[in-house]
Protein backbone atom coordinates (compact mmCIF):
# COMPACT_ATOMS: atom_id res chain seq x y z
CA MET A 1 157.73 130.00 30.67
CA ASP A 2 158.08 126.27 29.12
CA SER A 3 155.25 125.80 26.22
CA GLU A 4 153.50 122.47 26.78
CA PRO A 5 153.25 120.28 24.12
CA VAL A 6 149.83 118.13 24.47
CA ALA A 7 149.20 115.34 22.02
CA GLU A 8 146.10 114.90 20.03
CA SER A 9 143.65 113.12 21.52
CA ARG A 10 143.81 109.38 21.58
CA GLU A 11 142.34 106.43 23.14
CA GLY A 12 145.63 105.24 25.33
CA PRO A 13 146.27 101.90 26.09
CA ARG A 14 143.95 100.70 29.08
CA ILE A 15 146.19 100.21 31.83
CA ALA A 16 145.15 97.42 34.72
CA SER A 17 141.43 97.84 35.51
CA GLU A 18 138.71 100.42 35.36
CA ASP A 19 140.20 102.43 38.23
CA PRO A 20 144.06 102.80 39.20
CA GLY A 21 143.91 102.83 42.42
CA THR A 22 142.17 99.47 42.74
CA GLU A 23 144.06 96.78 44.41
CA GLU A 24 144.74 94.91 41.70
CA SER A 25 145.69 98.10 39.63
CA LEU A 26 148.34 98.99 42.75
CA LEU A 27 150.24 95.48 42.34
CA PHE A 28 150.47 95.81 38.68
CA PHE A 29 152.05 99.17 39.27
CA ARG A 30 154.30 97.95 42.08
CA ASP A 31 155.51 94.81 40.27
CA PHE A 32 156.24 96.78 37.41
CA PHE A 33 157.59 99.99 38.28
CA GLY A 34 158.74 99.38 41.92
CA GLU A 35 162.25 99.78 41.31
CA PHE A 36 162.50 102.04 38.11
CA PRO A 37 165.27 104.26 38.38
CA GLU A 38 163.15 107.17 37.78
CA PRO A 39 160.35 108.85 39.77
CA VAL A 40 156.54 107.00 39.22
CA PHE A 41 153.38 108.09 40.27
CA VAL A 42 149.65 107.06 39.74
CA THR A 43 146.84 109.02 40.17
CA ASP A 44 143.08 108.46 40.41
CA SER A 45 140.28 109.89 38.71
CA LEU A 46 139.94 112.32 41.50
CA PHE A 47 143.37 113.72 40.91
CA ARG A 48 144.84 111.96 43.82
CA ILE A 49 148.05 110.20 44.18
CA VAL A 50 147.60 106.23 45.05
CA PHE A 51 151.31 104.86 44.12
CA LEU A 52 154.77 106.23 44.38
CA ASN A 53 157.47 104.05 43.47
CA LYS A 54 160.76 103.78 46.01
CA LEU A 55 162.45 106.71 44.23
CA ALA A 56 159.90 109.11 44.39
CA GLN A 57 158.95 108.44 47.92
CA SER A 58 162.67 108.99 48.69
CA LEU A 59 162.73 112.51 46.73
CA THR A 60 159.32 113.67 48.33
CA GLY A 61 159.61 112.26 51.94
CA ARG A 62 155.81 111.26 51.03
CA ASN A 63 154.18 107.85 51.03
CA VAL A 64 150.43 106.95 50.30
CA ASP A 65 150.21 104.09 53.66
CA SER A 66 147.51 106.80 55.35
CA GLY A 67 145.71 107.40 52.22
CA PRO A 68 145.44 109.23 48.67
CA ILE A 69 147.73 112.31 48.23
CA PRO A 70 145.86 115.24 46.25
CA VAL A 71 148.60 115.97 43.51
CA SER A 72 149.00 119.53 44.18
CA GLU A 73 150.95 119.20 47.43
CA ILE A 74 153.51 117.05 45.55
CA LEU A 75 153.36 118.39 41.53
CA GLN A 76 153.12 121.74 40.08
CA LYS A 77 153.14 123.42 37.09
CA ASP A 78 154.41 127.28 36.73
CA VAL A 79 152.41 129.79 34.56
CA ASP A 80 152.18 133.22 35.11
CA GLY A 81 151.18 135.04 38.43
CA GLY A 82 151.76 131.64 40.13
CA ARG A 83 151.18 127.83 40.20
CA ILE A 84 148.25 125.50 39.24
CA PRO A 85 147.70 121.88 39.75
CA LEU A 86 148.20 119.19 36.71
CA PHE A 87 145.73 117.12 35.49
CA GLN A 88 142.41 119.40 36.06
CA ASN A 89 140.93 121.29 33.43
CA LEU A 90 142.74 118.66 30.90
CA PRO A 91 139.51 116.22 30.51
CA ASP A 92 139.95 115.64 26.69
CA ARG A 93 143.60 114.96 26.81
CA ALA A 94 145.11 111.41 27.42
CA VAL A 95 149.31 111.72 26.99
CA LEU A 96 151.08 114.51 28.04
CA ASP A 97 154.60 114.87 26.87
CA HIS A 98 157.74 116.33 28.40
CA ILE A 99 156.23 119.32 30.42
CA THR A 100 158.43 121.19 32.92
CA VAL A 101 156.65 121.02 36.55
CA LYS A 102 157.86 121.32 39.79
CA LEU A 103 158.17 118.42 42.52
CA ASN A 104 157.99 119.22 46.24
CA CYS A 105 161.26 117.84 47.69
CA ARG A 106 160.80 117.64 50.93
CA GLY A 107 159.62 121.24 51.01
CA ARG A 108 161.63 122.47 48.07
CA TRP A 109 160.09 122.85 44.87
CA ARG A 110 162.39 121.73 41.72
CA PRO A 111 162.09 121.71 38.47
CA PHE A 112 161.57 118.26 36.49
CA SER A 113 160.66 117.01 33.00
CA LEU A 114 157.07 115.17 33.21
CA SER A 115 155.45 112.60 30.89
CA ALA A 116 151.96 110.99 31.88
CA GLN A 117 149.54 108.72 30.14
CA ALA A 118 146.06 108.62 31.00
CA ALA A 119 144.86 105.05 32.24
CA VAL A 120 141.13 105.33 30.76
CA GLY A 121 138.17 102.87 31.71
CA LYS A 122 135.68 101.30 29.11
CA ALA A 123 133.99 105.03 28.72
CA LYS A 124 137.29 105.82 27.38
CA ALA A 125 137.51 108.73 29.90
CA PRO A 126 140.85 108.92 31.84
CA ARG A 127 140.61 107.58 35.33
CA GLY A 128 143.75 108.54 36.31
CA TYR A 129 147.18 109.08 35.10
CA VAL A 130 150.74 107.29 35.07
CA ALA A 131 153.47 109.88 35.36
CA MET A 132 157.37 109.55 35.10
CA LEU A 133 159.72 112.33 36.07
CA ARG A 134 163.02 113.47 34.94
CA ASP A 135 165.81 115.52 36.04
CA VAL A 136 166.41 118.82 34.66
CA SER A 137 168.64 120.05 36.50
CA PRO A 138 172.69 121.14 35.28
CA GLY A 139 173.52 117.38 35.68
CA GLY A 140 170.65 116.63 33.72
CA ASN A 141 170.91 119.00 30.73
CA GLY A 142 168.00 121.32 32.13
CA GLU A 143 167.97 124.27 34.62
CA GLY A 144 168.03 124.35 38.33
CA PRO A 145 168.89 121.78 41.31
CA GLY A 146 169.71 118.39 40.33
CA LEU A 147 168.33 115.28 41.45
CA PHE A 148 171.11 114.48 44.10
CA GLU A 149 170.37 118.16 45.60
CA CYS A 150 166.30 116.54 45.64
CA MET A 151 167.83 113.40 47.75
CA PHE A 152 170.17 115.11 49.98
CA PRO A 153 167.62 115.29 53.05
CA SER A 154 166.72 111.53 52.18
CA ILE A 155 170.57 110.95 51.97
CA ILE A 156 171.03 112.80 55.74
CA ASP A 157 168.24 111.10 57.08
CA HIS A 158 169.40 107.63 56.17
CA PHE A 159 173.47 108.72 56.29
CA PRO A 160 175.07 105.31 58.30
CA MET A 161 177.05 106.99 60.45
CA PRO A 162 176.55 109.86 63.10
CA PHE A 163 177.70 113.16 61.85
CA LEU A 164 177.43 116.71 62.38
CA THR A 165 178.43 120.24 60.59
CA VAL A 166 180.10 123.12 62.27
CA ASP A 167 180.75 126.74 61.83
CA THR A 168 183.93 128.17 62.04
CA ASP A 169 183.35 128.98 65.78
CA LEU A 170 182.66 124.97 66.11
CA ASN A 171 179.03 125.88 66.85
CA VAL A 172 177.02 122.57 65.86
CA THR A 173 174.71 123.59 62.79
CA PHE A 174 173.21 120.50 61.94
CA MET A 175 173.17 116.97 63.39
CA ASN A 176 171.90 113.86 61.63
CA ARG A 177 169.48 110.96 63.76
CA GLN A 178 172.20 108.77 64.29
CA LEU A 179 174.58 110.80 66.26
CA GLU A 180 171.03 111.75 68.46
CA HIS A 181 170.79 108.06 68.69
CA LEU A 182 174.37 107.78 69.87
CA THR A 183 174.59 111.21 71.63
CA GLY A 184 171.33 111.10 73.50
CA TYR A 185 170.92 114.48 72.74
CA ARG A 186 168.13 115.89 70.31
CA ALA A 187 169.43 118.13 67.61
CA ALA A 188 166.78 120.92 68.60
CA GLU A 189 169.07 120.75 71.66
CA VAL A 190 172.13 121.11 70.15
CA VAL A 191 171.84 122.99 67.20
CA ASN A 192 172.94 126.70 67.22
CA LYS A 193 172.93 126.10 70.68
CA MET A 194 176.26 124.09 71.32
CA SER A 195 179.17 123.86 70.32
CA CYS A 196 181.01 120.21 68.78
CA ALA A 197 182.96 120.41 72.57
CA GLU A 198 180.07 121.09 74.63
CA LEU A 199 178.36 117.95 72.84
CA PHE A 200 180.94 115.50 73.09
CA ARG A 201 182.93 116.63 75.84
CA ALA A 202 186.52 114.60 74.75
CA ALA A 203 189.73 115.17 76.09
CA GLN A 204 190.77 116.56 72.76
CA CYS A 205 188.05 119.07 72.57
CA GLY A 206 189.77 122.63 72.84
CA THR A 207 193.32 121.23 72.34
CA PRO A 208 195.26 121.49 68.85
CA ASP A 209 194.06 117.60 68.43
CA CYS A 210 190.60 118.80 68.07
CA THR A 211 189.98 116.64 64.63
CA VAL A 212 187.93 119.48 62.85
CA ARG A 213 190.07 122.41 64.11
CA GLN A 214 193.17 119.99 62.65
CA ALA A 215 190.92 119.73 59.31
CA MET A 216 190.31 123.57 59.06
CA ARG A 217 194.19 123.88 59.82
CA SER A 218 195.35 122.15 57.40
CA LYS A 219 192.61 122.40 54.74
CA SER A 220 192.29 118.83 54.42
CA SER A 221 190.60 115.37 55.60
CA VAL A 222 191.56 113.87 59.05
CA SER A 223 190.49 110.36 59.49
CA GLY A 224 190.40 107.36 61.70
CA VAL A 225 191.15 109.77 65.00
CA ARG A 226 190.25 107.45 67.85
CA LYS A 227 189.00 109.37 71.04
CA ILE A 228 186.35 108.62 74.04
CA ILE A 229 183.21 111.00 73.71
CA LEU A 230 180.84 111.02 76.67
CA ASP A 231 176.81 111.02 75.89
CA ARG A 232 173.65 112.73 77.74
CA GLU A 233 174.31 110.33 80.70
CA GLY A 234 177.55 110.42 81.00
CA ARG A 235 178.76 107.38 79.49
CA ARG A 236 181.98 106.37 78.00
CA ILE A 237 181.92 105.86 74.25
CA PRO A 238 185.11 105.04 72.05
CA VAL A 239 184.58 106.50 68.50
CA SER A 240 186.84 106.68 65.47
CA ALA A 241 186.84 110.39 64.24
CA HIS A 242 186.56 112.05 60.45
CA ALA A 243 186.60 115.42 59.84
CA THR A 244 187.03 117.56 56.55
CA ILE A 245 186.14 121.30 55.79
CA ILE A 246 183.08 122.65 54.16
CA THR A 247 183.79 125.85 52.11
CA ASP A 248 182.02 128.28 49.96
CA SER A 249 181.88 129.10 46.26
CA GLU A 250 185.29 131.09 46.30
CA GLN A 251 186.61 128.37 48.51
CA ARG A 252 186.90 129.56 51.66
CA VAL A 253 186.57 127.41 54.96
CA ILE A 254 183.12 128.28 56.30
CA GLY A 255 182.84 124.95 58.73
CA GLY A 256 183.48 121.35 59.06
CA PHE A 257 182.38 118.06 58.94
CA VAL A 258 182.84 115.50 61.42
CA ALA A 259 181.15 111.83 60.93
CA LEU A 260 181.75 109.60 63.83
CA ARG A 261 182.10 105.48 63.67
CA ASP A 262 181.14 103.72 67.12
CA ILE A 263 184.15 101.44 67.72
CA THR A 264 182.77 99.89 71.14
CA PRO A 265 182.82 96.19 70.05
CA VAL A 266 186.02 96.75 68.12
CA SER A 267 187.60 98.89 71.64
CA GLU A 268 186.25 95.90 74.26
CA ALA A 269 188.08 93.30 72.03
CA GLU A 270 191.17 95.24 71.72
CA GLU A 271 190.79 95.43 75.66
CA LYS A 272 190.40 92.21 76.35
CA ILE A 273 193.36 91.10 74.12
CA ARG A 274 195.40 93.81 76.29
CA MET A 275 194.44 92.24 79.26
CA LEU A 276 195.28 88.72 78.08
CA ILE A 277 198.91 90.14 76.31
CA ASP A 278 199.85 92.34 80.15
CA ILE A 279 199.35 89.26 82.21
CA THR A 280 201.66 86.99 79.95
CA GLN A 281 205.36 86.63 81.46
CA GLU A 282 206.55 87.18 78.37
CA GLY A 283 207.89 90.45 76.41
CA ILE A 284 205.50 91.39 73.46
CA LEU A 285 206.82 94.14 70.97
CA MET A 286 204.62 95.43 67.79
CA ILE A 287 207.23 97.51 65.13
CA GLU A 288 206.11 99.30 62.34
CA GLU A 289 207.77 99.24 58.75
CA ASP A 290 209.59 103.07 59.68
CA HIS A 291 211.08 101.27 62.93
CA ARG A 292 208.56 102.66 65.22
CA VAL A 293 206.85 100.56 68.53
CA ALA A 294 203.23 100.09 67.77
CA TYR A 295 202.81 98.28 70.63
CA ALA A 296 204.76 97.27 74.12
CA ASN A 297 203.37 95.01 77.06
CA ALA A 298 204.27 95.52 80.59
CA GLN A 299 206.62 92.81 80.68
CA MET A 300 208.31 94.37 77.71
CA ALA A 301 208.77 97.46 79.82
CA GLU A 302 209.98 95.10 82.82
CA ILE A 303 212.67 93.77 80.35
CA LEU A 304 213.77 96.71 78.88
CA ASP A 305 213.72 98.62 82.12
CA ARG A 306 211.72 101.70 80.84
CA PRO A 307 208.25 102.90 81.68
CA ARG A 308 205.72 101.95 78.23
CA GLU A 309 205.24 105.12 77.48
CA GLU A 310 208.70 105.68 77.10
CA ILE A 311 208.99 102.92 74.25
CA ILE A 312 206.01 103.04 71.98
CA GLY A 313 206.14 105.71 69.32
CA LYS A 314 210.24 105.27 69.56
CA ASP A 315 212.41 104.31 67.10
CA VAL A 316 213.20 100.99 68.18
CA ARG A 317 217.08 100.82 66.89
CA SER A 318 217.82 103.08 70.29
CA PHE A 319 217.43 99.89 72.84
CA LEU A 320 217.51 96.66 70.76
CA PRO A 321 220.99 95.39 69.93
CA ALA A 322 222.25 95.34 66.16
CA GLN A 323 222.48 91.89 66.21
CA LEU A 324 218.62 91.36 67.08
CA LEU A 325 217.91 94.45 64.07
CA ASN A 326 219.67 92.56 61.46
CA ILE A 327 217.82 89.27 61.81
CA THR A 328 214.79 90.93 61.67
CA ARG A 329 216.03 92.98 58.85
CA ASP A 330 216.87 89.95 56.48
CA LEU A 331 213.83 88.00 57.57
CA ALA A 332 211.82 91.13 56.54
CA ALA A 333 213.47 90.74 52.84
CA GLN A 334 212.37 87.31 52.58
CA VAL A 335 208.52 88.17 53.36
CA ASP A 336 205.94 88.40 50.33
CA PRO A 337 202.14 89.29 50.48
CA GLU A 338 200.91 85.91 51.21
CA HIS A 339 203.38 83.96 53.33
CA PRO A 340 204.58 86.11 56.52
CA LYS A 341 208.16 84.16 58.06
CA LEU A 342 208.40 83.39 61.36
CA LEU A 343 212.11 82.56 63.07
CA ARG A 344 213.24 81.58 66.66
CA PHE A 345 216.37 82.06 67.97
CA CYS A 346 218.40 83.01 71.71
CA SER A 347 219.49 86.30 72.03
CA THR A 348 220.90 88.69 74.69
CA ILE A 349 219.37 92.24 75.84
CA GLN A 350 220.80 94.62 78.64
CA SER A 351 217.94 96.12 80.42
CA SER A 352 219.03 99.58 80.40
CA GLU A 353 221.96 101.55 78.76
CA THR A 354 222.50 103.35 82.02
CA LEU A 355 222.67 100.02 84.45
CA GLN A 356 226.39 98.40 84.60
CA GLN A 357 225.16 94.59 84.32
CA GLU A 358 225.01 91.57 82.79
CA PHE A 359 223.45 91.09 79.40
CA ARG A 360 219.96 88.99 79.98
CA ALA A 361 219.11 86.03 77.80
CA PHE A 362 216.23 85.31 75.44
CA GLU A 363 214.24 82.65 73.58
CA THR A 364 213.33 85.26 70.69
CA CYS A 365 210.30 84.66 68.53
CA VAL A 366 210.13 86.82 65.29
CA VAL A 367 207.45 86.73 62.98
CA VAL A 368 207.54 89.36 59.84
CA SER A 369 204.20 89.95 57.73
CA ARG A 370 202.45 92.24 55.37
CA VAL A 371 199.55 93.82 57.16
CA GLY A 372 197.94 95.79 54.27
CA LYS A 373 200.65 98.11 52.64
CA THR A 374 202.81 98.13 55.25
CA MET A 375 205.15 95.59 56.66
CA VAL A 376 204.55 94.99 60.53
CA THR A 377 207.18 92.87 62.87
CA GLY A 378 205.95 91.10 66.12
CA MET A 379 208.51 90.41 68.36
CA TYR A 380 207.83 87.80 71.43
CA PHE A 381 210.76 87.15 74.18
CA HIS A 382 210.79 84.55 76.68
CA ASP A 383 213.73 85.34 79.48
CA LEU A 384 215.98 82.67 79.71
CA THR A 385 218.02 84.57 82.03
CA LYS A 386 216.80 82.68 85.38
CA HIS A 387 216.82 79.20 83.57
CA ILE A 388 220.50 79.92 82.72
CA GLU A 389 221.07 80.94 86.16
CA ILE A 390 220.01 77.57 87.51
CA GLU A 391 221.35 75.21 85.15
CA ARG A 392 224.54 77.28 85.87
CA GLN A 393 223.73 76.25 89.46
CA LEU A 394 222.76 73.16 89.03
CA PHE A 395 225.84 72.21 86.68
CA ASN A 396 228.35 73.37 89.64
CA THR A 397 226.50 71.66 92.02
CA ASN A 398 226.84 68.36 89.80
CA SER A 399 230.37 68.93 89.04
CA PHE A 400 231.06 69.51 92.91
CA LEU A 401 229.26 66.27 93.97
CA HIS A 402 231.00 64.43 90.60
CA SER A 403 234.31 65.79 92.06
CA ILE A 404 233.30 64.63 95.42
CA ILE A 405 232.09 61.33 94.31
CA MET A 406 235.12 60.98 91.69
CA GLY A 407 237.74 61.92 94.43
CA SER A 408 236.34 59.69 97.26
CA ALA A 409 238.01 56.99 98.85
CA ASP A 410 235.72 54.31 98.72
CA GLY A 411 234.45 52.77 95.59
CA ILE A 412 230.65 54.22 94.22
CA VAL A 413 228.80 52.46 91.47
CA VAL A 414 225.66 53.25 90.27
CA ALA A 415 223.50 50.82 88.60
CA GLY A 416 220.11 50.98 86.62
CA ILE A 417 217.01 49.05 87.96
CA ASP A 418 218.22 46.70 84.88
CA GLY A 419 221.77 46.50 86.62
CA THR A 420 223.57 48.24 83.72
CA VAL A 421 226.54 50.13 85.52
CA MET A 422 225.77 54.02 85.38
CA MET A 423 228.84 55.79 87.10
CA PHE A 424 232.06 53.85 88.44
CA ASN A 425 234.28 55.85 90.27
CA GLU A 426 237.73 56.24 90.68
CA ALA A 427 238.44 54.60 93.89
CA ALA A 428 236.19 51.20 91.93
CA GLU A 429 238.42 51.60 89.17
CA ARG A 430 241.52 51.38 91.97
CA ILE A 431 239.98 48.83 93.64
CA LEU A 432 238.28 46.44 91.07
CA GLY A 433 241.35 47.13 88.52
CA TYR A 434 238.87 47.91 85.98
CA ARG A 435 238.30 51.15 83.99
CA ALA A 436 234.83 52.87 84.09
CA ASP A 437 234.38 52.68 80.06
CA GLU A 438 234.97 48.86 80.30
CA VAL A 439 231.85 48.54 82.81
CA ILE A 440 229.71 51.65 82.28
CA GLY A 441 226.88 50.35 79.63
CA ILE A 442 228.35 47.44 79.16
CA PRO A 443 225.24 44.49 79.61
CA HIS A 444 226.08 41.99 82.66
CA ALA A 445 228.90 44.54 83.46
CA LEU A 446 228.72 43.69 87.33
CA ALA A 447 228.76 39.51 86.83
CA LYS A 448 232.45 40.51 86.33
CA VAL A 449 232.88 41.74 89.87
CA CYS A 450 230.68 39.38 91.78
CA SER A 451 228.78 36.39 91.78
CA PRO A 452 225.37 36.12 89.98
CA GLU A 453 223.74 35.73 93.35
CA MET A 454 225.03 38.80 95.13
CA PRO A 455 223.12 41.44 93.39
CA ARG A 456 219.75 39.55 93.82
CA GLU A 457 220.33 39.13 97.51
CA ILE A 458 221.25 42.41 98.02
CA MET A 459 218.53 44.00 96.25
CA ARG A 460 215.87 41.51 98.61
CA ARG A 461 217.65 42.82 101.43
CA MET A 462 217.16 46.46 100.45
CA ARG A 463 213.31 45.83 99.45
CA ASN A 464 212.80 44.09 102.85
CA ASP A 465 214.19 47.40 104.57
CA LYS A 466 211.65 50.27 105.31
CA ASP A 467 214.23 52.87 103.98
CA GLY A 468 215.23 50.37 101.26
CA LYS A 469 218.79 50.94 102.40
CA LEU A 470 221.60 47.93 103.07
CA THR A 471 223.83 48.43 106.24
CA SER A 472 227.42 47.87 106.08
CA THR A 473 228.08 44.04 105.46
CA ARG A 474 231.13 42.08 104.66
CA VAL A 475 231.24 40.68 100.63
CA LYS A 476 233.50 39.61 98.41
CA LEU A 477 234.09 41.45 95.08
CA ILE A 478 236.38 39.66 92.16
CA SER A 479 238.69 41.93 90.87
CA LYS A 480 240.00 42.30 86.81
CA ASP A 481 242.63 39.56 87.75
CA GLY A 482 240.61 36.93 89.22
CA GLU A 483 241.55 38.13 92.83
CA GLU A 484 238.39 38.22 95.41
CA ILE A 485 238.71 41.41 97.15
CA PRO A 486 237.02 41.50 100.90
CA VAL A 487 234.77 45.04 101.08
CA SER A 488 233.01 46.68 103.33
CA PHE A 489 229.80 47.17 101.08
CA SER A 490 226.46 49.23 101.80
CA ALA A 491 224.00 50.43 99.28
CA ALA A 492 220.60 52.27 98.81
CA ILE A 493 217.77 52.01 96.09
CA ILE A 494 217.31 55.36 94.26
CA LYS A 495 213.54 56.15 93.67
CA LYS A 496 211.68 58.83 92.19
CA GLU A 497 207.83 59.41 92.39
CA GLY A 498 208.02 55.93 94.37
CA ARG A 499 209.17 54.14 91.68
CA GLU A 500 212.53 52.66 91.69
CA ILE A 501 215.25 53.45 88.82
CA ALA A 502 218.45 52.81 90.14
CA SER A 503 220.88 51.37 93.18
CA VAL A 504 224.06 52.99 94.81
CA GLY A 505 226.43 50.77 96.33
CA VAL A 506 229.61 52.21 98.23
CA PHE A 507 232.24 49.57 99.36
CA SER A 508 235.87 50.01 100.97
CA ASP A 509 238.75 47.46 100.49
CA LEU A 510 239.39 45.88 103.51
CA ARG A 511 242.72 44.59 102.06
CA GLU A 512 245.04 46.69 104.16
CA ARG A 513 242.81 46.83 107.13
CA LEU A 514 242.84 43.15 107.65
CA ARG A 515 246.74 42.88 106.39
CA ILE A 516 247.18 45.45 109.09
CA ARG A 517 244.39 43.01 111.72
CA ARG A 518 246.84 40.09 111.06
CA GLU A 519 249.83 41.56 111.77
CA LEU A 520 248.44 42.90 115.02
CA GLU A 521 247.28 39.69 115.74
CA GLU A 522 250.67 37.97 114.98
CA ALA A 523 252.48 40.80 117.22
CA LYS A 524 249.91 39.96 119.57
CA MET A 525 250.55 36.18 119.87
CA GLN A 526 254.29 36.79 120.03
CA LEU A 527 253.77 39.03 122.78
CA MET A 528 252.14 36.56 124.64
CA GLN A 529 254.61 34.15 123.93
CA ALA A 530 257.32 36.38 124.99
CA GLU A 531 255.39 37.12 127.80
CA LYS A 532 254.61 33.34 128.67
CA ILE A 533 258.70 33.06 128.67
CA ALA A 534 259.21 36.18 130.97
CA SER A 535 256.41 34.37 133.44
CA ILE A 536 259.00 31.06 133.54
CA GLY A 537 261.88 33.55 133.77
CA ARG A 538 260.53 34.71 136.93
CA LEU A 539 259.52 31.72 138.26
CA ALA A 540 263.16 30.09 137.85
CA ALA A 541 264.29 32.93 139.36
CA GLY A 542 262.09 32.71 142.24
CA VAL A 543 262.55 28.85 142.69
CA ALA A 544 266.00 29.95 142.90
CA HIS A 545 265.86 32.15 145.84
CA GLU A 546 264.03 29.92 147.58
CA ILE A 547 266.60 27.48 147.15
CA ASN A 548 269.34 29.43 147.54
CA ASN A 549 268.26 30.62 150.92
CA PRO A 550 268.38 27.41 152.70
CA LEU A 551 271.40 26.50 151.10
CA ALA A 552 273.13 29.39 152.50
CA GLY A 553 272.17 28.99 155.78
CA ILE A 554 273.31 25.46 155.36
């Protein structure tokens, strides 16, 4: 048994006031010893504990909120045949130095070294003691369990994550309060009565994917495994599970430790983001540094013509073209820890290796960045195939219309609202003698082919028409060599969203038609003249006949 060194009787310093249990004294102790790094407690003259600092409360699990605590409930000293309470039967001793005592750490008596000093009053008699404890465990160069072992129950109670321990058959041997709150089960209902599979009811339970079973099999920790567990009411709770093994002194696995982190806020946020990504019309692909696909949205699966589950986790090099991957690789080589790289370009992807079809074209955006210690590549694909097809059809249509316009026998002129010529077809060149490049885009070019009043008069007449058109009318245009050319002219105003943007004029050369008409009129006149001569001849023949008849009779 340890000896009990006791100092000679002497008057110790007067601490606080007459009684350590007064409010003034307790305030003094809280101020000076509340955060002290060693367990500290104070007794009154009746050997009742009236103050414990925070560390002492954590070790013992006791406090004085409901009243003083008898010293014998917390501190005792070993003697032959049992334990005796401290401080009693020591009325003449003012100081205790480094005596070995036992502290009641939440029901388990642990060895500590105690030093105490009496708080004396005016009568110089002890009115209580101020005591400090020190660990004498192997970690404290003593014997017995250490301070950490004494604090372990408190650590468990205040551990911030829900956790449990299991034996090798996965039966629950302990669960803390946080896990009770998470699952809705009390420890008394679970410990030594249920397996972790019965408690969690996760899809991985009872399968090779069981987290604690994996840890036992590999004899290592398994971290960050996402799963869905069910609480007592059957509600789904997304968690991140961490498991490790528990071993005995010979390193044999005797159980497992499983800690959970409720990731409901994270899961809900991810689900919202996933909804937004999935409803977009663009393909999105996330690629890890090892070329494995970490994420692909529904549109990306449609682009690649593969189920999403056949994309995620697969090597991206099996379905993306080498040219695109080379661009991404070159971009990744330029990335530094603080500056991600972004690039936009056009690429082509064939929907499936099994389909014999044309490649589809995409506007592709690639961003490469370091996330933690790894390189992550994000790809965004905007399908341009339909746009390109529409543009191709529009081009073909425009080419067809342009061919019709340019091949028309009638002259066609399109002018902007300011009178600038925008189109001048081949028939207009032939009729008026100007080349298109001598007219198109040239300011006041219309003044070369008509009088200044003519455009204004035509626009006035078209604006007065409810349809904005001018029906065929005869006007005269001026050719390059100054000839006045009669034409049949029609025109219309071109509008966009109710606003005038241009006008188009169509004219046909009347010179040949007028020439033919003149020739026909001349032939008609000659025919009429011949008809008159013939009529005179017939008249003369008739007169001669009438004269010849009497003469013949005579």
